Amino acid sequence: MRLAGIPYFYDKFYGLKTVLTARQLAITIQRLSQQILENHIDLRDTVIIGIQPRGIFFSDRIVAELAKDPGVEQVAYGKLDITFYRDDVRRQLHIANATNIPFSIENKNVIIVDDVLYTGRTIRAALDALLDFGRPARVELCVLVDRRFSRQLPIQADYTGKSIDSIITQKVKVFWQEKDGEELVALLE
């Protein structure tokens, strides 16, 4: 049986193993938001930065959950494009996404949010890009899925939704309602 919003070739050629259902995804986002609040009770000195393009759907959800808390007045939220900071895509022409960080990160606690942590290269590029906006007091990482044992750089998440073991030929795909018409996290063979 094929899920709505998932292209036919994923089912037919790759196989599909559900890692998180829509309900599990919602619960995981709530849990991660609560963990962030446990460590940052007063969000005045904390900013959330979502990584373009795929981490934005996840960071939008995290920020929405944080804003529901009665003790939270406002969440400083920015979106960061890392296209020109990557070291693994230099030979191709890439179209950049928009960066929108309308505040200073100088001496702030920055929480970088991305959907999947794989090799660590995306996060390294995000750290380089962040320096253009100031010197943060501290940087933390929040990811929905951590593909353990795949790291090429010594980077680890502070907040992890789900850790999975996968082989290099597998792909983790996060499907969002706004983009794909379905919500789930799947492992594609």
C-alpha atoms as a PDB file:
ATOM      1  CA  MET A   1       0.000   0.000   0.000  1.00  0.00           C
ATOM      2  CA  ARG A   2       1.425   3.366  -1.043  1.00  0.00           C
ATOM      3  CA  LEU A   3       1.165   6.451   1.159  1.00  0.00           C
ATOM      4  CA  ALA A   4      -0.226   9.667  -0.282  1.00  0.00           C
ATOM      5  CA  GLY A   5       2.425  12.208  -1.200  1.00  0.00           C
ATOM      6  CA  ILE A   6       5.200   9.654  -1.597  1.00  0.00           C
ATOM      7  CA  PRO A   7       6.316   9.334  -5.196  1.00  0.00           C
ATOM      8  CA  TYR A   8       5.603   5.942  -6.717  1.00  0.00           C
ATOM      9  CA  PHE A   9       9.253   5.219  -7.487  1.00  0.00           C
ATOM     10  CA  TYR A  10      10.089   5.278  -3.747  1.00  0.00           C
ATOM     11  CA  ASP A  11       7.685   2.416  -3.099  1.00  0.00           C
ATOM     12  CA  LYS A  12       8.525   0.445  -6.205  1.00  0.00           C
ATOM     13  CA  PHE A  13      12.312   0.730  -6.367  1.00  0.00           C
ATOM     14  CA  TYR A  14      13.544   1.660  -2.928  1.00  0.00           C
ATOM     15  CA  GLY A  15      11.150   0.138  -0.482  1.00  0.00           C
ATOM     16  CA  LEU A  16       9.893   2.115   2.445  1.00  0.00           C
ATOM     17  CA  LYS A  17      10.306   1.573   6.158  1.00  0.00           C
ATOM     18  CA  THR A  18       8.465   3.994   8.422  1.00  0.00           C
ATOM     19  CA  VAL A  19      10.695   5.398  11.158  1.00  0.00           C
ATOM     20  CA  LEU A  20       8.156   7.853  12.634  1.00  0.00           C
ATOM     21  CA  THR A  21       4.430   8.059  11.899  1.00  0.00           C
ATOM     22  CA  ALA A  22       2.613  11.406  11.850  1.00  0.00           C
ATOM     23  CA  ARG A  23       1.545  10.930  15.478  1.00  0.00           C
ATOM     24  CA  GLN A  24       5.031   9.919  16.591  1.00  0.00           C
ATOM     25  CA  LEU A  25       6.448  12.905  14.711  1.00  0.00           C
ATOM     26  CA  ALA A  26       4.115  15.300  16.558  1.00  0.00           C
ATOM     27  CA  ILE A  27       5.000  13.756  19.929  1.00  0.00           C
ATOM     28  CA  THR A  28       8.723  13.934  19.121  1.00  0.00           C
ATOM     29  CA  ILE A  29       8.451  17.635  18.249  1.00  0.00           C
ATOM     30  CA  GLN A  30       6.635  18.302  21.534  1.00  0.00           C
ATOM     31  CA  ARG A  31       9.310  16.394  23.477  1.00  0.00           C
ATOM     32  CA  LEU A  32      12.196  18.236  21.804  1.00  0.00           C
ATOM     33  CA  SER A  33      10.518  21.588  22.461  1.00  0.00           C
ATOM     34  CA  GLN A  34      10.125  20.716  26.132  1.00  0.00           C
ATOM     35  CA  GLN A  35      13.777  19.680  26.337  1.00  0.00           C
ATOM     36  CA  ILE A  36      14.803  23.033  24.869  1.00  0.00           C
ATOM     37  CA  LEU A  37      12.640  24.816  27.459  1.00  0.00           C
ATOM     38  CA  GLU A  38      14.183  22.747  30.254  1.00  0.00           C
ATOM     39  CA  ASN A  39      17.637  24.016  29.287  1.00  0.00           C
ATOM     40  CA  HIS A  40      16.555  27.539  28.281  1.00  0.00           C
ATOM     41  CA  ILE A  41      13.755  28.553  30.646  1.00  0.00           C
ATOM     42  CA  ASP A  42      14.087  32.184  29.649  1.00  0.00           C
ATOM     43  CA  LEU A  43      14.316  32.327  25.862  1.00  0.00           C
ATOM     44  CA  ARG A  44      15.334  36.011  25.852  1.00  0.00           C
ATOM     45  CA  ASP A  45      18.979  35.080  25.316  1.00  0.00           C
ATOM     46  CA  THR A  46      18.227  32.114  23.037  1.00  0.00           C
ATOM     47  CA  VAL A  47      17.614  32.133  19.295  1.00  0.00           C
ATOM     48  CA  ILE A  48      16.426  29.358  17.020  1.00  0.00           C
ATOM     49  CA  ILE A  49      18.030  29.078  13.570  1.00  0.00           C
ATOM     50  CA  GLY A  50      16.522  26.691  11.012  1.00  0.00           C
ATOM     51  CA  ILE A  51      18.712  25.445   8.176  1.00  0.00           C
ATOM     52  CA  GLN A  52      17.372  25.969   4.642  1.00  0.00           C
ATOM     53  CA  PRO A  53      15.744  24.244   2.901  1.00  0.00           C
ATOM     54  CA  ARG A  54      14.717  21.013   4.629  1.00  0.00           C
ATOM     55  CA  GLY A  55      15.271  21.990   8.249  1.00  0.00           C
ATOM     56  CA  ILE A  56      12.785  24.851   7.999  1.00  0.00           C
ATOM     57  CA  PHE A  57       9.694  22.657   8.195  1.00  0.00           C
ATOM     58  CA  PHE A  58      11.042  21.121  11.388  1.00  0.00           C
ATOM     59  CA  SER A  59      12.204  24.424  12.900  1.00  0.00           C
ATOM     60  CA  ASP A  60       8.803  26.012  12.128  1.00  0.00           C
ATOM     61  CA  ARG A  61       7.194  23.260  14.212  1.00  0.00           C
ATOM     62  CA  ILE A  62       9.689  23.614  17.064  1.00  0.00           C
ATOM     63  CA  VAL A  63       9.124  27.387  17.228  1.00  0.00           C
ATOM     64  CA  ALA A  64       5.331  26.919  17.143  1.00  0.00           C
ATOM     65  CA  GLU A  65       5.558  24.461  20.054  1.00  0.00           C
ATOM     66  CA  LEU A  66       7.816  26.781  22.044  1.00  0.00           C
ATOM     67  CA  ALA A  67       5.401  29.680  21.483  1.00  0.00           C
ATOM     68  CA  LYS A  68       2.549  27.633  23.029  1.00  0.00           C
ATOM     69  CA  ASP A  69       4.256  27.655  26.416  1.00  0.00           C
ATOM     70  CA  PRO A  70       2.678  30.311  28.667  1.00  0.00           C
ATOM     71  CA  GLY A  71       6.089  31.370  30.001  1.00  0.00           C
ATOM     72  CA  VAL A  72       7.430  32.190  26.549  1.00  0.00           C
ATOM     73  CA  GLU A  73       6.854  35.769  25.448  1.00  0.00           C
ATOM     74  CA  GLN A  74       8.627  35.656  22.092  1.00  0.00           C
ATOM     75  CA  VAL A  75      10.922  33.294  20.205  1.00  0.00           C
ATOM     76  CA  ALA A  76      13.716  34.836  18.138  1.00  0.00           C
ATOM     77  CA  TYR A  77      13.645  32.732  14.980  1.00  0.00           C
ATOM     78  CA  GLY A  78      15.831  32.924  11.906  1.00  0.00           C
ATOM     79  CA  LYS A  79      16.415  30.916   8.761  1.00  0.00           C
ATOM     80  CA  LEU A  80      19.898  30.251   7.441  1.00  0.00           C
ATOM     81  CA  ASP A  81      21.008  29.299   3.944  1.00  0.00           C
ATOM     82  CA  ILE A  82      24.338  27.467   3.835  1.00  0.00           C
ATOM     83  CA  THR A  83      24.644  26.913   0.090  1.00  0.00           C
ATOM     84  CA  PHE A  84      27.849  28.922  -0.348  1.00  0.00           C
ATOM     85  CA  TYR A  85      29.455  27.584   2.810  1.00  0.00           C
ATOM     86  CA  ARG A  86      29.312  23.910   1.850  1.00  0.00           C
ATOM     87  CA  ASP A  87      32.529  22.128   0.973  1.00  0.00           C
ATOM     88  CA  ASP A  88      30.918  19.238  -0.869  1.00  0.00           C
ATOM     89  CA  VAL A  89      28.994  21.031  -3.642  1.00  0.00           C
ATOM     90  CA  ARG A  90      31.519  23.447  -5.143  1.00  0.00           C
ATOM     91  CA  ARG A  91      31.552  22.137  -8.698  1.00  0.00           C
ATOM     92  CA  GLN A  92      27.876  22.669  -9.448  1.00  0.00           C
ATOM     93  CA  LEU A  93      25.716  25.754  -9.875  1.00  0.00           C
ATOM     94  CA  HIS A  94      23.306  26.054  -6.965  1.00  0.00           C
ATOM     95  CA  ILE A  95      20.392  28.364  -6.357  1.00  0.00           C
ATOM     96  CA  ALA A  96      20.553  29.805  -2.875  1.00  0.00           C
ATOM     97  CA  ASN A  97      17.614  29.956  -0.490  1.00  0.00           C
ATOM     98  CA  ALA A  98      16.830  33.036   1.535  1.00  0.00           C
ATOM     99  CA  THR A  99      18.617  33.770   4.776  1.00  0.00           C
ATOM    100  CA  ASN A 100      16.501  35.699   7.254  1.00  0.00           C
ATOM    101  CA  ILE A 101      18.128  36.462  10.595  1.00  0.00           C
ATOM    102  CA  PRO A 102      16.649  39.833  11.630  1.00  0.00           C
ATOM    103  CA  PHE A 103      18.516  40.001  14.946  1.00  0.00           C
ATOM    104  CA  SER A 104      22.018  39.784  16.317  1.00  0.00           C
ATOM    105  CA  ILE A 105      23.323  36.451  17.562  1.00  0.00           C
ATOM    106  CA  GLU A 106      26.173  38.166  19.419  1.00  0.00           C
ATOM    107  CA  ASN A 107      26.495  36.556  22.885  1.00  0.00           C
ATOM    108  CA  LYS A 108      23.243  34.617  22.391  1.00  0.00           C
ATOM    109  CA  ASN A 109      22.543  30.941  22.875  1.00  0.00           C
ATOM    110  CA  VAL A 110      21.938  29.670  19.341  1.00  0.00           C
ATOM    111  CA  ILE A 111      20.054  26.456  18.663  1.00  0.00           C
ATOM    112  CA  ILE A 112      20.585  25.229  15.110  1.00  0.00           C
ATOM    113  CA  VAL A 113      17.674  23.099  13.886  1.00  0.00           C
ATOM    114  CA  ASP A 114      17.863  20.604  11.016  1.00  0.00           C
ATOM    115  CA  ASP A 115      15.868  17.553  10.021  1.00  0.00           C
ATOM    116  CA  VAL A 116      18.558  14.881   9.525  1.00  0.00           C
ATOM    117  CA  LEU A 117      22.099  14.732  10.892  1.00  0.00           C
ATOM    118  CA  TYR A 118      24.166  12.550   8.576  1.00  0.00           C
ATOM    119  CA  THR A 119      27.816  13.317   7.789  1.00  0.00           C
ATOM    120  CA  GLY A 120      28.000  16.562   9.769  1.00  0.00           C
ATOM    121  CA  ARG A 121      29.003  18.660   6.765  1.00  0.00           C
ATOM    122  CA  THR A 122      25.748  20.638   6.737  1.00  0.00           C
ATOM    123  CA  ILE A 123      26.214  21.602  10.376  1.00  0.00           C
ATOM    124  CA  ARG A 124      29.854  22.556   9.797  1.00  0.00           C
ATOM    125  CA  ALA A 125      28.713  24.846   6.986  1.00  0.00           C
ATOM    126  CA  ALA A 126      26.010  26.311   9.246  1.00  0.00           C
ATOM    127  CA  LEU A 127      28.599  27.066  11.922  1.00  0.00           C
ATOM    128  CA  ASP A 128      30.744  28.875   9.346  1.00  0.00           C
ATOM    129  CA  ALA A 129      27.746  30.850   8.066  1.00  0.00           C
ATOM    130  CA  LEU A 130      26.657  31.827  11.583  1.00  0.00           C
ATOM    131  CA  LEU A 131      29.929  33.648  12.185  1.00  0.00           C
ATOM    132  CA  ASP A 132      28.837  36.235   9.596  1.00  0.00           C
ATOM    133  CA  PHE A 133      26.067  37.237  12.020  1.00  0.00           C
ATOM    134  CA  GLY A 134      28.130  37.538  15.187  1.00  0.00           C
ATOM    135  CA  ARG A 135      29.825  35.448  17.821  1.00  0.00           C
ATOM    136  CA  PRO A 136      27.321  33.411  19.824  1.00  0.00           C
ATOM    137  CA  ALA A 137      27.858  32.589  23.490  1.00  0.00           C
ATOM    138  CA  ARG A 138      26.926  28.965  22.847  1.00  0.00           C
ATOM    139  CA  VAL A 139      25.696  26.857  19.932  1.00  0.00           C
ATOM    140  CA  GLU A 140      23.523  23.758  20.294  1.00  0.00           C
ATOM    141  CA  LEU A 141      22.093  21.404  17.708  1.00  0.00           C
ATOM    142  CA  CYS A 142      18.562  20.018  17.513  1.00  0.00           C
ATOM    143  CA  VAL A 143      17.838  17.321  14.917  1.00  0.00           C
ATOM    144  CA  LEU A 144      14.811  15.211  14.181  1.00  0.00           C
ATOM    145  CA  VAL A 145      16.816  12.170  13.018  1.00  0.00           C
ATOM    146  CA  ASP A 146      20.414  11.289  13.821  1.00  0.00           C
ATOM    147  CA  ARG A 147      21.927   8.764  11.413  1.00  0.00           C
ATOM    148  CA  ARG A 148      24.507   7.399  13.798  1.00  0.00           C
ATOM    149  CA  PHE A 149      27.773   5.918  12.561  1.00  0.00           C
ATOM    150  CA  SER A 150      27.716   8.051   9.387  1.00  0.00           C
ATOM    151  CA  ARG A 151      29.633  11.068  10.616  1.00  0.00           C
ATOM    152  CA  GLN A 152      32.587  12.439   8.677  1.00  0.00           C
ATOM    153  CA  LEU A 153      33.121  15.281  11.156  1.00  0.00           C
ATOM    154  CA  PRO A 154      33.044  15.263  14.975  1.00  0.00           C
ATOM    155  CA  ILE A 155      29.554  16.755  15.334  1.00  0.00           C
ATOM    156  CA  GLN A 156      26.784  15.513  17.588  1.00  0.00           C
ATOM    157  CA  ALA A 157      23.301  16.731  18.437  1.00  0.00           C
ATOM    158  CA  ASP A 158      22.284  18.149  21.814  1.00  0.00           C
ATOM    159  CA  TYR A 159      18.608  17.364  21.135  1.00  0.00           C
ATOM    160  CA  THR A 160      17.721  14.273  19.094  1.00  0.00           C
ATOM    161  CA  GLY A 161      14.268  13.101  18.092  1.00  0.00           C
ATOM    162  CA  LYS A 162      15.223   9.642  16.853  1.00  0.00           C
ATOM    163  CA  SER A 163      18.578   7.915  16.415  1.00  0.00           C
ATOM    164  CA  ILE A 164      18.791   5.279  13.708  1.00  0.00           C
ATOM    165  CA  ASP A 165      21.420   2.973  12.332  1.00  0.00           C
ATOM    166  CA  SER A 166      21.501   2.895   8.560  1.00  0.00           C
ATOM    167  CA  ILE A 167      23.846   1.918   5.799  1.00  0.00           C
ATOM    168  CA  ILE A 168      25.236   4.305   3.204  1.00  0.00           C
ATOM    169  CA  THR A 169      22.859   3.110   0.461  1.00  0.00           C
ATOM    170  CA  GLN A 170      19.795   3.977   2.535  1.00  0.00           C
ATOM    171  CA  LYS A 171      18.250   7.424   2.661  1.00  0.00           C
ATOM    172  CA  VAL A 172      16.226   9.047   5.413  1.00  0.00           C
ATOM    173  CA  LYS A 173      13.378  11.132   4.041  1.00  0.00           C
ATOM    174  CA  VAL A 174      11.213  13.428   6.140  1.00  0.00           C
ATOM    175  CA  PHE A 175       7.806  14.076   4.603  1.00  0.00           C
ATOM    176  CA  TRP A 176       5.913  17.219   5.665  1.00  0.00           C
ATOM    177  CA  GLN A 177       2.235  17.957   5.080  1.00  0.00           C
ATOM    178  CA  GLU A 178       2.930  21.376   3.529  1.00  0.00           C
ATOM    179  CA  LYS A 179       5.435  20.021   1.039  1.00  0.00           C
ATOM    180  CA  ASP A 180       4.601  16.359   0.484  1.00  0.00           C
ATOM    181  CA  GLY A 181       0.953  16.013   1.509  1.00  0.00           C
ATOM    182  CA  GLU A 182       1.860  13.442   4.193  1.00  0.00           C
ATOM    183  CA  GLU A 183       3.713  13.489   7.495  1.00  0.00           C
ATOM    184  CA  LEU A 184       6.184  10.765   8.353  1.00  0.00           C
ATOM    185  CA  VAL A 185       9.836   9.905   8.512  1.00  0.00           C
ATOM    186  CA  ALA A 186      10.868   6.984   6.321  1.00  0.00           C
ATOM    187  CA  LEU A 187      13.958   4.983   5.575  1.00  0.00           C
ATOM    188  CA  LEU A 188      14.274   4.356   1.849  1.00  0.00           C
ATOM    189  CA  GLU A 189      16.119   1.242   0.744  1.00  0.00           C
END
